[in-house]
Amino acid sequence: MQYTGANPAARQKGNEVCGAMPMSLFVLMHFMLIIKYQFYIIL
């Protein structure tokens, strides 16, 4: 995940987490599941 805040320590920590695990891919899949379930609820 990209941290665009003004805290470089949080951005460095986010880069370390991203290096250890594909967090952006996990978040993307999570949002896709949420959107899919919301479509099911709407339909």
N, C-alpha and C. Protein backbone atom coordinates (compact mmCIF):
# COMPACT_ATOMS: atom_id res chain seq x y z
N MET A 1 0.85 -1.19 0.00
CA MET A 1 0.00 0.00 0.00
C MET A 1 0.88 1.24 0.00
N GLN A 2 0.47 2.24 -0.73
CA GLN A 2 1.23 3.48 -0.80
C GLN A 2 0.69 4.47 0.22
N TYR A 3 1.58 4.92 1.10
CA TYR A 3 1.18 5.92 2.08
C TYR A 3 1.59 7.29 1.56
N THR A 4 0.60 8.13 1.28
CA THR A 4 0.90 9.46 0.74
C THR A 4 0.83 10.51 1.83
N GLY A 5 0.86 10.08 3.10
CA GLY A 5 0.81 11.04 4.19
C GLY A 5 2.14 11.74 4.39
N ALA A 6 2.21 12.60 5.40
CA ALA A 6 3.42 13.37 5.65
C ALA A 6 4.33 12.67 6.65
N ASN A 7 4.04 11.41 6.98
CA ASN A 7 4.84 10.70 7.96
C ASN A 7 5.76 9.72 7.25
N PRO A 8 7.07 10.03 7.14
CA PRO A 8 7.97 9.11 6.42
C PRO A 8 8.16 7.79 7.15
N ALA A 9 8.03 7.79 8.49
CA ALA A 9 8.18 6.54 9.23
C ALA A 9 7.07 5.57 8.87
N ALA A 10 5.84 6.07 8.77
CA ALA A 10 4.72 5.21 8.40
C ALA A 10 4.89 4.71 6.96
N ARG A 11 5.43 5.57 6.08
CA ARG A 11 5.64 5.15 4.70
C ARG A 11 6.71 4.06 4.64
N GLN A 12 7.77 4.21 5.45
CA GLN A 12 8.82 3.18 5.47
C GLN A 12 8.26 1.88 6.01
N LYS A 13 7.45 1.96 7.06
CA LYS A 13 6.85 0.76 7.63
C LYS A 13 5.94 0.09 6.59
N GLY A 14 5.20 0.89 5.85
CA GLY A 14 4.32 0.33 4.83
C GLY A 14 5.12 -0.34 3.73
N ASN A 15 6.28 0.24 3.37
CA ASN A 15 7.11 -0.38 2.35
C ASN A 15 7.67 -1.70 2.85
N GLU A 16 8.03 -1.78 4.14
CA GLU A 16 8.53 -3.04 4.69
C GLU A 16 7.44 -4.09 4.67
N VAL A 17 6.22 -3.72 5.04
CA VAL A 17 5.11 -4.67 5.02
C VAL A 17 4.83 -5.11 3.59
N CYS A 18 4.90 -4.15 2.66
CA CYS A 18 4.63 -4.48 1.26
C CYS A 18 5.72 -5.41 0.73
N GLY A 19 6.95 -5.25 1.21
CA GLY A 19 8.02 -6.13 0.77
C GLY A 19 7.84 -7.53 1.33
N ALA A 20 7.32 -7.63 2.55
CA ALA A 20 7.15 -8.94 3.17
C ALA A 20 5.95 -9.68 2.60
N MET A 21 4.92 -8.95 2.18
CA MET A 21 3.69 -9.59 1.74
C MET A 21 3.00 -8.67 0.74
N PRO A 22 2.42 -9.21 -0.32
CA PRO A 22 1.73 -8.36 -1.31
C PRO A 22 0.44 -7.78 -0.75
N MET A 23 0.59 -6.75 0.09
CA MET A 23 -0.56 -6.20 0.79
C MET A 23 -1.50 -5.50 -0.18
N SER A 24 -0.96 -4.87 -1.19
CA SER A 24 -1.83 -4.16 -2.14
C SER A 24 -2.73 -5.15 -2.87
N LEU A 25 -2.18 -6.32 -3.22
CA LEU A 25 -2.99 -7.33 -3.89
C LEU A 25 -4.09 -7.84 -2.95
N PHE A 26 -3.72 -8.04 -1.67
CA PHE A 26 -4.71 -8.51 -0.69
C PHE A 26 -5.84 -7.49 -0.53
N VAL A 27 -5.47 -6.21 -0.43
CA VAL A 27 -6.49 -5.16 -0.28
C VAL A 27 -7.36 -5.08 -1.53
N LEU A 28 -6.73 -5.24 -2.70
CA LEU A 28 -7.49 -5.18 -3.95
C LEU A 28 -8.50 -6.32 -4.01
N MET A 29 -8.08 -7.53 -3.65
CA MET A 29 -9.01 -8.66 -3.65
C MET A 29 -10.12 -8.43 -2.63
N HIS A 30 -9.76 -7.86 -1.47
CA HIS A 30 -10.76 -7.62 -0.43
C HIS A 30 -11.81 -6.64 -0.92
N PHE A 31 -11.37 -5.54 -1.58
CA PHE A 31 -12.34 -4.57 -2.08
C PHE A 31 -13.18 -5.17 -3.20
N MET A 32 -12.58 -6.04 -4.01
CA MET A 32 -13.36 -6.67 -5.08
C MET A 32 -14.43 -7.58 -4.49
N LEU A 33 -14.10 -8.28 -3.41
CA LEU A 33 -15.12 -9.12 -2.77
C LEU A 33 -16.23 -8.26 -2.18
N ILE A 34 -15.85 -7.14 -1.55
CA ILE A 34 -16.87 -6.25 -0.96
C ILE A 34 -17.78 -5.72 -2.07
N ILE A 35 -17.19 -5.30 -3.19
CA ILE A 35 -18.01 -4.75 -4.29
C ILE A 35 -18.91 -5.84 -4.85
N LYS A 36 -18.39 -7.08 -4.96
CA LYS A 36 -19.21 -8.16 -5.51
C LYS A 36 -20.39 -8.45 -4.58
N TYR A 37 -20.13 -8.49 -3.27
CA TYR A 37 -21.23 -8.75 -2.34
C TYR A 37 -22.24 -7.61 -2.35
N GLN A 38 -21.76 -6.37 -2.51
CA GLN A 38 -22.71 -5.26 -2.57
C GLN A 38 -23.56 -5.34 -3.83
N PHE A 39 -22.97 -5.80 -4.94
CA PHE A 39 -23.77 -5.99 -6.15
C PHE A 39 -24.82 -7.07 -5.92
N TYR A 40 -24.44 -8.15 -5.22
CA TYR A 40 -25.42 -9.20 -4.93
C TYR A 40 -26.55 -8.67 -4.06
N ILE A 41 -26.20 -7.82 -3.08
CA ILE A 41 -27.24 -7.27 -2.21
C ILE A 41 -28.15 -6.34 -3.01
N ILE A 42 -27.55 -5.53 -3.90
CA ILE A 42 -28.36 -4.60 -4.69
C ILE A 42 -29.27 -5.37 -5.65
N LEU A 43 -28.69 -6.37 -6.33
CA LEU A 43 -29.50 -7.13 -7.28
C LEU A 43 -30.43 -8.08 -6.53
